[in-house]
Amino acid sequence: MKHAGTQTIKTDRLTLRRFDLTDAETMFRNWASDTEVTRYLRFLPHKDADESRTIIQQWVDGYDNDCNYLWGICQEDGELIGSIGMFITEPDNKADIGYCIGRKWWGKGYTSEALKAVIDYMFTNTDIERIEAYHAAANPSSGKVMINAGMEHEGFARHKYKNAYGYHDSDMYGIIREMWEQ
């Protein structure tokens, strides 16, 4: 599969960029410590910025591999407000995408804008065939993000994933290259 790596993406209101260690305090403050933001995610709220720094170090180390895709979501003023990333499955040429954004920025279209930009980036710069995502059924706002970014609802799975709060039923969404090209 052809890869492009995590390159900077600009939209009307956002810059998606690589993380660096100086982002730890902002990540901790803006989303990683918030129990509402992490409620449906696979990680518990961070206890301190050092925990965020440890995670960011792993991400930064992963940038050496061009098949690693992880962006910090920044507003026009440079404020880091969330993250968006993909896990690639080869040889299927598909990606699972995940994202989170600080509660202060919910409902403003930032996550849909970031997701749409990443979908465009991947279909333009790689030979990815399919991008998919799922959200906890109890979190329908995440489904709206996916629909607004051009993804289509494809199904429902019981106990699709487990986090610290238990098992979650999930709605699944996807977009294939042919849909994107249209």
N, C-alpha and C. Protein backbone atom coordinates (compact mmCIF):
# COMPACT_ATOMS: atom_id res chain seq x y z
N MET A 1 0.83 -1.18 0.00
CA MET A 1 0.00 0.00 0.00
C MET A 1 0.88 1.25 0.00
N LYS A 2 0.49 2.22 -0.76
CA LYS A 2 1.19 3.51 -0.81
C LYS A 2 0.80 4.32 0.44
N HIS A 3 1.80 4.84 1.15
CA HIS A 3 1.56 5.64 2.35
C HIS A 3 2.10 7.05 2.17
N ALA A 4 1.55 7.98 2.93
CA ALA A 4 1.97 9.37 2.87
C ALA A 4 2.45 9.88 4.23
N GLY A 5 2.14 9.18 5.31
CA GLY A 5 2.51 9.63 6.64
C GLY A 5 1.66 10.80 7.11
N THR A 6 1.87 11.21 8.33
CA THR A 6 1.12 12.30 8.93
C THR A 6 1.72 13.63 8.49
N GLN A 7 1.06 14.26 7.55
CA GLN A 7 1.48 15.57 7.05
C GLN A 7 0.45 16.62 7.52
N THR A 8 0.85 17.86 7.57
CA THR A 8 -0.05 18.93 8.00
C THR A 8 -1.19 19.09 7.00
N ILE A 9 -2.40 19.23 7.53
CA ILE A 9 -3.60 19.46 6.73
C ILE A 9 -4.25 20.74 7.23
N LYS A 10 -4.62 21.62 6.31
CA LYS A 10 -5.31 22.86 6.68
C LYS A 10 -6.72 22.84 6.11
N THR A 11 -7.67 23.32 6.91
CA THR A 11 -9.06 23.48 6.48
C THR A 11 -9.42 24.95 6.69
N ASP A 12 -10.68 25.28 6.51
CA ASP A 12 -11.11 26.66 6.71
C ASP A 12 -10.83 27.16 8.13
N ARG A 13 -11.05 26.28 9.13
CA ARG A 13 -10.93 26.73 10.52
C ARG A 13 -9.88 25.99 11.33
N LEU A 14 -9.27 24.97 10.75
CA LEU A 14 -8.40 24.10 11.52
C LEU A 14 -7.06 23.85 10.85
N THR A 15 -6.10 23.48 11.67
CA THR A 15 -4.85 22.90 11.20
C THR A 15 -4.71 21.56 11.90
N LEU A 16 -4.50 20.52 11.12
CA LEU A 16 -4.23 19.19 11.66
C LEU A 16 -2.73 18.98 11.51
N ARG A 17 -2.07 18.67 12.62
CA ARG A 17 -0.62 18.58 12.61
C ARG A 17 -0.14 17.47 13.53
N ARG A 18 1.12 17.13 13.37
CA ARG A 18 1.73 16.14 14.25
C ARG A 18 1.78 16.68 15.69
N PHE A 19 1.71 15.75 16.62
CA PHE A 19 1.89 16.10 18.03
C PHE A 19 3.37 16.27 18.32
N ASP A 20 3.68 17.05 19.36
CA ASP A 20 5.02 17.07 19.92
C ASP A 20 4.89 17.12 21.44
N LEU A 21 5.97 16.86 22.14
CA LEU A 21 5.90 16.73 23.60
C LEU A 21 5.40 17.98 24.30
N THR A 22 5.56 19.13 23.68
CA THR A 22 5.08 20.36 24.32
C THR A 22 3.55 20.42 24.36
N ASP A 23 2.87 19.49 23.70
CA ASP A 23 1.41 19.46 23.70
C ASP A 23 0.80 18.79 24.92
N ALA A 24 1.61 18.20 25.78
CA ALA A 24 1.09 17.39 26.89
C ALA A 24 0.17 18.17 27.83
N GLU A 25 0.58 19.35 28.25
CA GLU A 25 -0.25 20.14 29.18
C GLU A 25 -1.59 20.49 28.54
N THR A 26 -1.56 20.90 27.27
CA THR A 26 -2.79 21.29 26.58
C THR A 26 -3.70 20.09 26.37
N MET A 27 -3.13 18.97 25.97
CA MET A 27 -3.93 17.75 25.80
C MET A 27 -4.61 17.38 27.12
N PHE A 28 -3.84 17.39 28.20
CA PHE A 28 -4.39 17.06 29.51
C PHE A 28 -5.52 18.02 29.87
N ARG A 29 -5.29 19.29 29.72
CA ARG A 29 -6.27 20.32 30.10
C ARG A 29 -7.51 20.30 29.21
N ASN A 30 -7.33 20.16 27.89
CA ASN A 30 -8.44 20.35 26.96
C ASN A 30 -9.30 19.11 26.74
N TRP A 31 -8.77 17.91 26.94
CA TRP A 31 -9.63 16.74 26.76
C TRP A 31 -9.23 15.48 27.53
N ALA A 32 -7.97 15.20 27.70
CA ALA A 32 -7.57 13.90 28.23
C ALA A 32 -7.94 13.68 29.70
N SER A 33 -8.18 14.75 30.45
CA SER A 33 -8.53 14.63 31.87
C SER A 33 -10.05 14.67 32.10
N ASP A 34 -10.83 14.84 31.06
CA ASP A 34 -12.28 15.04 31.17
C ASP A 34 -13.03 13.71 31.12
N THR A 35 -13.75 13.39 32.19
CA THR A 35 -14.48 12.12 32.23
C THR A 35 -15.59 12.04 31.19
N GLU A 36 -16.17 13.15 30.80
CA GLU A 36 -17.21 13.14 29.76
C GLU A 36 -16.61 12.86 28.38
N VAL A 37 -15.45 13.43 28.10
CA VAL A 37 -14.79 13.21 26.81
C VAL A 37 -14.35 11.75 26.70
N THR A 38 -13.81 11.19 27.76
CA THR A 38 -13.24 9.84 27.71
C THR A 38 -14.26 8.74 27.99
N ARG A 39 -15.48 9.10 28.24
CA ARG A 39 -16.52 8.14 28.62
C ARG A 39 -16.65 6.95 27.66
N TYR A 40 -16.54 7.19 26.37
CA TYR A 40 -16.70 6.12 25.38
C TYR A 40 -15.38 5.74 24.73
N LEU A 41 -14.28 6.28 25.22
CA LEU A 41 -12.97 5.98 24.65
C LEU A 41 -12.33 4.80 25.37
N ARG A 42 -11.24 4.34 24.83
CA ARG A 42 -10.56 3.18 25.40
C ARG A 42 -9.55 3.54 26.47
N PHE A 43 -9.48 4.80 26.86
CA PHE A 43 -8.57 5.17 27.94
C PHE A 43 -9.33 5.93 29.02
N LEU A 44 -8.87 5.76 30.25
CA LEU A 44 -9.43 6.49 31.38
C LEU A 44 -8.90 7.92 31.35
N PRO A 45 -9.60 8.82 32.01
CA PRO A 45 -9.07 10.19 32.08
C PRO A 45 -7.65 10.18 32.64
N HIS A 46 -6.79 10.99 32.06
CA HIS A 46 -5.42 11.07 32.55
C HIS A 46 -5.41 11.75 33.92
N LYS A 47 -4.54 11.27 34.78
CA LYS A 47 -4.43 11.82 36.13
C LYS A 47 -3.61 13.10 36.18
N ASP A 48 -2.67 13.23 35.22
CA ASP A 48 -1.81 14.42 35.18
C ASP A 48 -1.21 14.56 33.78
N ALA A 49 -0.53 15.66 33.56
CA ALA A 49 0.06 15.92 32.25
C ALA A 49 1.19 14.95 31.92
N ASP A 50 1.81 14.37 32.93
CA ASP A 50 2.86 13.38 32.67
C ASP A 50 2.29 12.15 31.96
N GLU A 51 1.07 11.77 32.31
CA GLU A 51 0.42 10.65 31.64
C GLU A 51 0.16 11.01 30.17
N SER A 52 -0.28 12.23 29.91
CA SER A 52 -0.47 12.69 28.53
C SER A 52 0.87 12.71 27.79
N ARG A 53 1.92 13.15 28.46
CA ARG A 53 3.25 13.22 27.86
C ARG A 53 3.74 11.83 27.45
N THR A 54 3.49 10.83 28.27
CA THR A 54 3.89 9.45 27.96
C THR A 54 3.20 8.97 26.69
N ILE A 55 1.92 9.25 26.57
CA ILE A 55 1.16 8.85 25.37
C ILE A 55 1.69 9.59 24.15
N ILE A 56 1.89 10.89 24.28
CA ILE A 56 2.39 11.67 23.14
C ILE A 56 3.77 11.17 22.71
N GLN A 57 4.62 10.78 23.66
CA GLN A 57 5.94 10.25 23.29
C GLN A 57 5.80 9.01 22.41
N GLN A 58 4.85 8.14 22.73
CA GLN A 58 4.61 6.96 21.90
C GLN A 58 4.16 7.38 20.50
N TRP A 59 3.29 8.37 20.42
CA TRP A 59 2.81 8.86 19.12
C TRP A 59 3.96 9.46 18.31
N VAL A 60 4.76 10.29 18.96
CA VAL A 60 5.88 10.93 18.27
C VAL A 60 6.85 9.87 17.74
N ASP A 61 7.14 8.87 18.56
CA ASP A 61 8.02 7.78 18.11
C ASP A 61 7.45 7.07 16.90
N GLY A 62 6.13 6.98 16.80
CA GLY A 62 5.48 6.31 15.69
C GLY A 62 5.51 7.06 14.38
N TYR A 63 5.80 8.35 14.43
CA TYR A 63 5.82 9.14 13.19
C TYR A 63 6.94 8.71 12.23
N ASP A 64 7.92 7.97 12.72
CA ASP A 64 8.97 7.47 11.84
C ASP A 64 8.43 6.49 10.80
N ASN A 65 7.27 5.94 11.07
CA ASN A 65 6.65 4.97 10.17
C ASN A 65 5.57 5.68 9.35
N ASP A 66 5.73 5.70 8.03
CA ASP A 66 4.78 6.41 7.16
C ASP A 66 3.38 5.83 7.16
N CYS A 67 3.19 4.63 7.71
CA CYS A 67 1.83 4.08 7.75
C CYS A 67 1.12 4.46 9.06
N ASN A 68 1.75 5.36 9.82
CA ASN A 68 1.17 5.85 11.06
C ASN A 68 0.53 7.21 10.80
N TYR A 69 -0.73 7.35 11.14
CA TYR A 69 -1.47 8.59 10.88
C TYR A 69 -2.13 9.07 12.17
N LEU A 70 -1.63 10.17 12.72
CA LEU A 70 -2.21 10.73 13.94
C LEU A 70 -1.97 12.24 13.96
N TRP A 71 -3.05 12.98 14.05
CA TRP A 71 -2.98 14.44 14.02
C TRP A 71 -3.54 15.04 15.29
N GLY A 72 -2.98 16.17 15.69
CA GLY A 72 -3.59 17.04 16.67
C GLY A 72 -4.50 18.00 15.92
N ILE A 73 -5.67 18.24 16.45
CA ILE A 73 -6.63 19.16 15.84
C ILE A 73 -6.46 20.52 16.51
N CYS A 74 -6.08 21.53 15.71
CA CYS A 74 -5.82 22.87 16.24
C CYS A 74 -6.74 23.89 15.58
N GLN A 75 -7.24 24.82 16.39
CA GLN A 75 -8.00 25.95 15.86
C GLN A 75 -7.05 26.92 15.16
N GLU A 76 -7.66 27.89 14.48
CA GLU A 76 -6.87 28.91 13.76
C GLU A 76 -5.84 29.60 14.66
N ASP A 77 -6.19 29.80 15.92
CA ASP A 77 -5.27 30.49 16.85
C ASP A 77 -4.17 29.57 17.38
N GLY A 78 -4.18 28.29 16.94
CA GLY A 78 -3.15 27.34 17.36
C GLY A 78 -3.53 26.48 18.55
N GLU A 79 -4.68 26.77 19.18
CA GLU A 79 -5.12 25.99 20.34
C GLU A 79 -5.38 24.54 19.94
N LEU A 80 -4.73 23.61 20.62
CA LEU A 80 -4.91 22.19 20.41
C LEU A 80 -6.19 21.75 21.12
N ILE A 81 -7.17 21.24 20.35
CA ILE A 81 -8.48 20.94 20.92
C ILE A 81 -8.86 19.46 20.84
N GLY A 82 -8.07 18.64 20.16
CA GLY A 82 -8.41 17.23 20.05
C GLY A 82 -7.41 16.46 19.23
N SER A 83 -7.78 15.22 18.91
CA SER A 83 -6.91 14.35 18.12
C SER A 83 -7.75 13.52 17.16
N ILE A 84 -7.11 13.08 16.08
CA ILE A 84 -7.75 12.22 15.10
C ILE A 84 -6.67 11.33 14.51
N GLY A 85 -6.97 10.05 14.39
CA GLY A 85 -5.96 9.13 13.88
C GLY A 85 -6.56 7.90 13.24
N MET A 86 -5.69 7.14 12.56
CA MET A 86 -6.10 5.95 11.83
C MET A 86 -5.19 4.78 12.12
N PHE A 87 -5.79 3.62 12.06
CA PHE A 87 -5.04 2.38 12.11
C PHE A 87 -5.26 1.68 10.77
N ILE A 88 -4.20 1.40 10.04
CA ILE A 88 -4.28 0.81 8.70
C ILE A 88 -4.20 -0.71 8.79
N THR A 89 -5.05 -1.38 8.04
CA THR A 89 -4.99 -2.84 7.91
C THR A 89 -4.58 -3.17 6.48
N GLU A 90 -3.41 -3.75 6.35
CA GLU A 90 -2.95 -4.22 5.05
C GLU A 90 -3.09 -5.73 5.07
N PRO A 91 -3.36 -6.44 4.03
CA PRO A 91 -3.40 -5.99 2.64
C PRO A 91 -4.78 -5.51 2.19
N ASP A 92 -5.70 -5.30 3.13
CA ASP A 92 -7.06 -4.88 2.76
C ASP A 92 -7.14 -3.43 2.30
N ASN A 93 -6.08 -2.66 2.54
CA ASN A 93 -6.08 -1.23 2.21
C ASN A 93 -7.27 -0.52 2.84
N LYS A 94 -7.48 -0.80 4.12
CA LYS A 94 -8.56 -0.13 4.85
C LYS A 94 -8.02 0.49 6.12
N ALA A 95 -8.77 1.44 6.63
CA ALA A 95 -8.36 2.13 7.84
C ALA A 95 -9.54 2.26 8.80
N ASP A 96 -9.25 2.09 10.07
CA ASP A 96 -10.20 2.40 11.14
C ASP A 96 -9.79 3.77 11.66
N ILE A 97 -10.78 4.64 11.81
CA ILE A 97 -10.48 6.00 12.24
C ILE A 97 -11.12 6.26 13.60
N GLY A 98 -10.44 7.04 14.41
CA GLY A 98 -10.96 7.44 15.70
C GLY A 98 -10.59 8.89 15.98
N TYR A 99 -11.36 9.52 16.83
CA TYR A 99 -11.13 10.93 17.13
C TYR A 99 -11.68 11.27 18.50
N CYS A 100 -11.21 12.35 19.06
CA CYS A 100 -11.82 12.93 20.26
C CYS A 100 -11.51 14.42 20.26
N ILE A 101 -12.39 15.15 20.89
CA ILE A 101 -12.25 16.60 20.93
C ILE A 101 -12.74 17.08 22.30
N GLY A 102 -12.14 18.13 22.79
CA GLY A 102 -12.53 18.68 24.09
C GLY A 102 -13.98 19.12 24.13
N ARG A 103 -14.59 18.95 25.27
CA ARG A 103 -16.02 19.24 25.43
C ARG A 103 -16.38 20.68 25.09
N LYS A 104 -15.49 21.60 25.36
CA LYS A 104 -15.71 23.02 25.07
C LYS A 104 -15.99 23.26 23.57
N TRP A 105 -15.52 22.34 22.71
CA TRP A 105 -15.64 22.52 21.26
C TRP A 105 -16.68 21.59 20.63
N TRP A 106 -17.44 20.87 21.47
CA TRP A 106 -18.49 20.00 20.95
C TRP A 106 -19.58 20.82 20.27
N GLY A 107 -20.19 20.25 19.25
CA GLY A 107 -21.34 20.86 18.60
C GLY A 107 -21.03 22.04 17.70
N LYS A 108 -19.77 22.26 17.37
CA LYS A 108 -19.39 23.41 16.54
C LYS A 108 -18.90 22.98 15.15
N GLY A 109 -18.96 21.69 14.86
CA GLY A 109 -18.57 21.20 13.54
C GLY A 109 -17.08 20.95 13.36
N TYR A 110 -16.27 21.17 14.39
CA TYR A 110 -14.83 20.98 14.26
C TYR A 110 -14.45 19.53 13.96
N THR A 111 -15.09 18.60 14.66
CA THR A 111 -14.72 17.20 14.47
C THR A 111 -15.12 16.72 13.07
N SER A 112 -16.30 17.10 12.59
CA SER A 112 -16.70 16.75 11.22
C SER A 112 -15.74 17.34 10.21
N GLU A 113 -15.33 18.58 10.44
CA GLU A 113 -14.40 19.24 9.53
C GLU A 113 -13.05 18.50 9.50
N ALA A 114 -12.58 18.10 10.68
CA ALA A 114 -11.31 17.37 10.75
C ALA A 114 -11.44 16.00 10.10
N LEU A 115 -12.54 15.30 10.37
CA LEU A 115 -12.74 13.97 9.79
C LEU A 115 -12.82 14.04 8.27
N LYS A 116 -13.56 14.99 7.75
CA LYS A 116 -13.68 15.16 6.30
C LYS A 116 -12.30 15.44 5.69
N ALA A 117 -11.51 16.28 6.34
CA ALA A 117 -10.17 16.61 5.84
C ALA A 117 -9.26 15.38 5.82
N VAL A 118 -9.35 14.56 6.84
CA VAL A 118 -8.52 13.35 6.90
C VAL A 118 -8.97 12.34 5.83
N ILE A 119 -10.27 12.20 5.66
CA ILE A 119 -10.78 11.31 4.60
C ILE A 119 -10.27 11.78 3.24
N ASP A 120 -10.38 13.07 2.97
CA ASP A 120 -9.88 13.62 1.70
C ASP A 120 -8.38 13.38 1.56
N TYR A 121 -7.63 13.62 2.62
CA TYR A 121 -6.18 13.43 2.60
C TYR A 121 -5.84 11.98 2.25
N MET A 122 -6.50 11.06 2.91
CA MET A 122 -6.18 9.64 2.69
C MET A 122 -6.53 9.18 1.28
N PHE A 123 -7.70 9.56 0.78
CA PHE A 123 -8.08 9.14 -0.57
C PHE A 123 -7.24 9.85 -1.65
N THR A 124 -6.75 11.04 -1.35
CA THR A 124 -5.93 11.78 -2.30
C THR A 124 -4.48 11.30 -2.32
N ASN A 125 -3.93 10.98 -1.15
CA ASN A 125 -2.49 10.73 -1.03
C ASN A 125 -2.08 9.28 -0.84
N THR A 126 -3.04 8.40 -0.65
CA THR A 126 -2.71 6.98 -0.49
C THR A 126 -3.63 6.18 -1.42
N ASP A 127 -3.42 4.87 -1.45
CA ASP A 127 -4.32 4.04 -2.23
C ASP A 127 -5.30 3.28 -1.32
N ILE A 128 -5.66 3.93 -0.22
CA ILE A 128 -6.66 3.36 0.69
C ILE A 128 -7.95 3.11 -0.08
N GLU A 129 -8.62 2.02 0.21
CA GLU A 129 -9.86 1.67 -0.46
C GLU A 129 -11.08 1.95 0.43
N ARG A 130 -10.90 1.80 1.73
CA ARG A 130 -12.03 1.91 2.65
C ARG A 130 -11.58 2.56 3.96
N ILE A 131 -12.44 3.42 4.49
CA ILE A 131 -12.25 4.01 5.81
C ILE A 131 -13.52 3.71 6.60
N GLU A 132 -13.33 3.21 7.82
CA GLU A 132 -14.49 2.87 8.63
C GLU A 132 -14.31 3.40 10.05
N ALA A 133 -15.44 3.52 10.73
CA ALA A 133 -15.44 4.00 12.10
C ALA A 133 -16.67 3.46 12.81
N TYR A 134 -16.63 3.47 14.09
CA TYR A 134 -17.81 3.08 14.88
C TYR A 134 -17.88 3.96 16.11
N HIS A 135 -19.07 4.04 16.66
CA HIS A 135 -19.27 4.81 17.89
C HIS A 135 -20.21 4.06 18.80
N ALA A 136 -20.08 4.31 20.09
CA ALA A 136 -21.01 3.71 21.05
C ALA A 136 -22.42 4.16 20.71
N ALA A 137 -23.35 3.22 20.70
CA ALA A 137 -24.73 3.55 20.37
C ALA A 137 -25.29 4.62 21.31
N ALA A 138 -24.77 4.68 22.52
CA ALA A 138 -25.21 5.68 23.49
C ALA A 138 -24.63 7.07 23.22
N ASN A 139 -23.82 7.19 22.16
CA ASN A 139 -23.19 8.46 21.82
C ASN A 139 -23.53 8.82 20.36
N PRO A 140 -24.80 9.10 20.07
CA PRO A 140 -25.20 9.35 18.68
C PRO A 140 -24.58 10.60 18.06
N SER A 141 -24.10 11.53 18.86
CA SER A 141 -23.44 12.72 18.30
C SER A 141 -22.24 12.34 17.45
N SER A 142 -21.55 11.29 17.84
CA SER A 142 -20.41 10.83 17.05
C SER A 142 -20.85 10.32 15.68
N GLY A 143 -22.02 9.70 15.62
CA GLY A 143 -22.56 9.27 14.33
C GLY A 143 -22.86 10.45 13.41
N LYS A 144 -23.33 11.54 13.99
CA LYS A 144 -23.59 12.75 13.20
C LYS A 144 -22.30 13.29 12.60
N VAL A 145 -21.21 13.21 13.36
CA VAL A 145 -19.90 13.62 12.85
C VAL A 145 -19.56 12.81 11.61
N MET A 146 -19.75 11.51 11.69
CA MET A 146 -19.41 10.61 10.58
C MET A 146 -20.27 10.90 9.34
N ILE A 147 -21.55 11.08 9.55
CA ILE A 147 -22.46 11.39 8.44
C ILE A 147 -22.08 12.73 7.81
N ASN A 148 -21.82 13.73 8.63
CA ASN A 148 -21.44 15.05 8.12
C ASN A 148 -20.14 15.01 7.31
N ALA A 149 -19.29 14.02 7.58
CA ALA A 149 -18.02 13.88 6.86
C ALA A 149 -18.16 13.01 5.62
N GLY A 150 -19.38 12.54 5.33
CA GLY A 150 -19.60 11.77 4.11
C GLY A 150 -19.64 10.27 4.29
N MET A 151 -19.58 9.80 5.52
CA MET A 151 -19.64 8.36 5.77
C MET A 151 -21.09 7.90 5.79
N GLU A 152 -21.28 6.62 5.58
CA GLU A 152 -22.61 6.03 5.50
C GLU A 152 -22.79 5.01 6.63
N HIS A 153 -23.96 5.01 7.26
CA HIS A 153 -24.25 4.02 8.30
C HIS A 153 -24.31 2.65 7.66
N GLU A 154 -23.58 1.68 8.22
CA GLU A 154 -23.52 0.34 7.63
C GLU A 154 -24.05 -0.75 8.54
N GLY A 155 -24.23 -0.47 9.80
CA GLY A 155 -24.73 -1.54 10.65
C GLY A 155 -24.58 -1.26 12.13
N PHE A 156 -24.92 -2.29 12.87
CA PHE A 156 -24.95 -2.24 14.33
C PHE A 156 -24.30 -3.51 14.84
N ALA A 157 -23.48 -3.39 15.87
CA ALA A 157 -22.84 -4.57 16.47
C ALA A 157 -22.98 -4.50 17.99
N ARG A 158 -23.43 -5.59 18.56
CA ARG A 158 -23.54 -5.65 20.02
C ARG A 158 -22.16 -5.92 20.61
N HIS A 159 -21.88 -5.25 21.71
CA HIS A 159 -20.62 -5.41 22.44
C HIS A 159 -19.41 -5.35 21.50
N LYS A 160 -19.38 -4.35 20.65
CA LYS A 160 -18.30 -4.17 19.65
C LYS A 160 -16.95 -3.93 20.32
N TYR A 161 -16.94 -3.18 21.41
CA TYR A 161 -15.68 -2.93 22.10
C TYR A 161 -15.92 -2.77 23.59
N LYS A 162 -14.86 -2.90 24.33
CA LYS A 162 -14.92 -2.78 25.78
C LYS A 162 -13.93 -1.71 26.23
N ASN A 163 -14.38 -0.90 27.17
CA ASN A 163 -13.46 0.04 27.82
C ASN A 163 -13.61 -0.13 29.33
N ALA A 164 -13.07 0.76 30.09
CA ALA A 164 -13.09 0.65 31.55
C ALA A 164 -14.50 0.66 32.12
N TYR A 165 -15.47 1.17 31.35
CA TYR A 165 -16.84 1.27 31.84
C TYR A 165 -17.72 0.10 31.40
N GLY A 166 -17.18 -0.81 30.62
CA GLY A 166 -17.93 -1.99 30.19
C GLY A 166 -17.98 -2.12 28.68
N TYR A 167 -18.86 -3.02 28.24
CA TYR A 167 -19.03 -3.27 26.81
C TYR A 167 -19.96 -2.24 26.20
N HIS A 168 -19.71 -1.92 24.92
CA HIS A 168 -20.52 -0.93 24.23
C HIS A 168 -21.06 -1.50 22.93
N ASP A 169 -22.39 -1.39 22.76
CA ASP A 169 -22.99 -1.66 21.46
C ASP A 169 -22.61 -0.49 20.56
N SER A 170 -22.43 -0.77 19.28
CA SER A 170 -21.90 0.28 18.40
C SER A 170 -22.61 0.34 17.06
N ASP A 171 -22.70 1.55 16.53
CA ASP A 171 -23.12 1.78 15.16
C ASP A 171 -21.85 1.94 14.34
N MET A 172 -21.88 1.35 13.13
CA MET A 172 -20.70 1.37 12.27
C MET A 172 -20.97 2.15 11.00
N TYR A 173 -19.94 2.87 10.55
CA TYR A 173 -20.02 3.72 9.37
C TYR A 173 -18.82 3.44 8.48
N GLY A 174 -18.98 3.72 7.19
CA GLY A 174 -17.86 3.54 6.29
C GLY A 174 -17.98 4.42 5.05
N ILE A 175 -16.86 4.55 4.38
CA ILE A 175 -16.81 5.23 3.08
C ILE A 175 -15.74 4.51 2.26
N ILE A 176 -16.08 4.23 1.01
CA ILE A 176 -15.12 3.61 0.11
C ILE A 176 -14.70 4.63 -0.95
N ARG A 177 -13.62 4.33 -1.61
CA ARG A 177 -13.06 5.26 -2.59
C ARG A 177 -14.12 5.69 -3.62
N GLU A 178 -14.88 4.76 -4.12
CA GLU A 178 -15.89 5.08 -5.15
C GLU A 178 -16.91 6.11 -4.65
N MET A 179 -17.36 5.97 -3.40
CA MET A 179 -18.28 6.94 -2.80
C MET A 179 -17.62 8.31 -2.72
N TRP A 180 -16.38 8.33 -2.28
CA TRP A 180 -15.64 9.59 -2.11
C TRP A 180 -15.46 10.29 -3.46
N GLU A 181 -15.15 9.53 -4.49
CA GLU A 181 -14.92 10.11 -5.82
C GLU A 181 -16.17 10.76 -6.39
N GLN A 182 -17.34 10.28 -5.99
CA GLN A 182 -18.58 10.84 -6.47
C GLN A 182 -18.90 12.12 -5.72
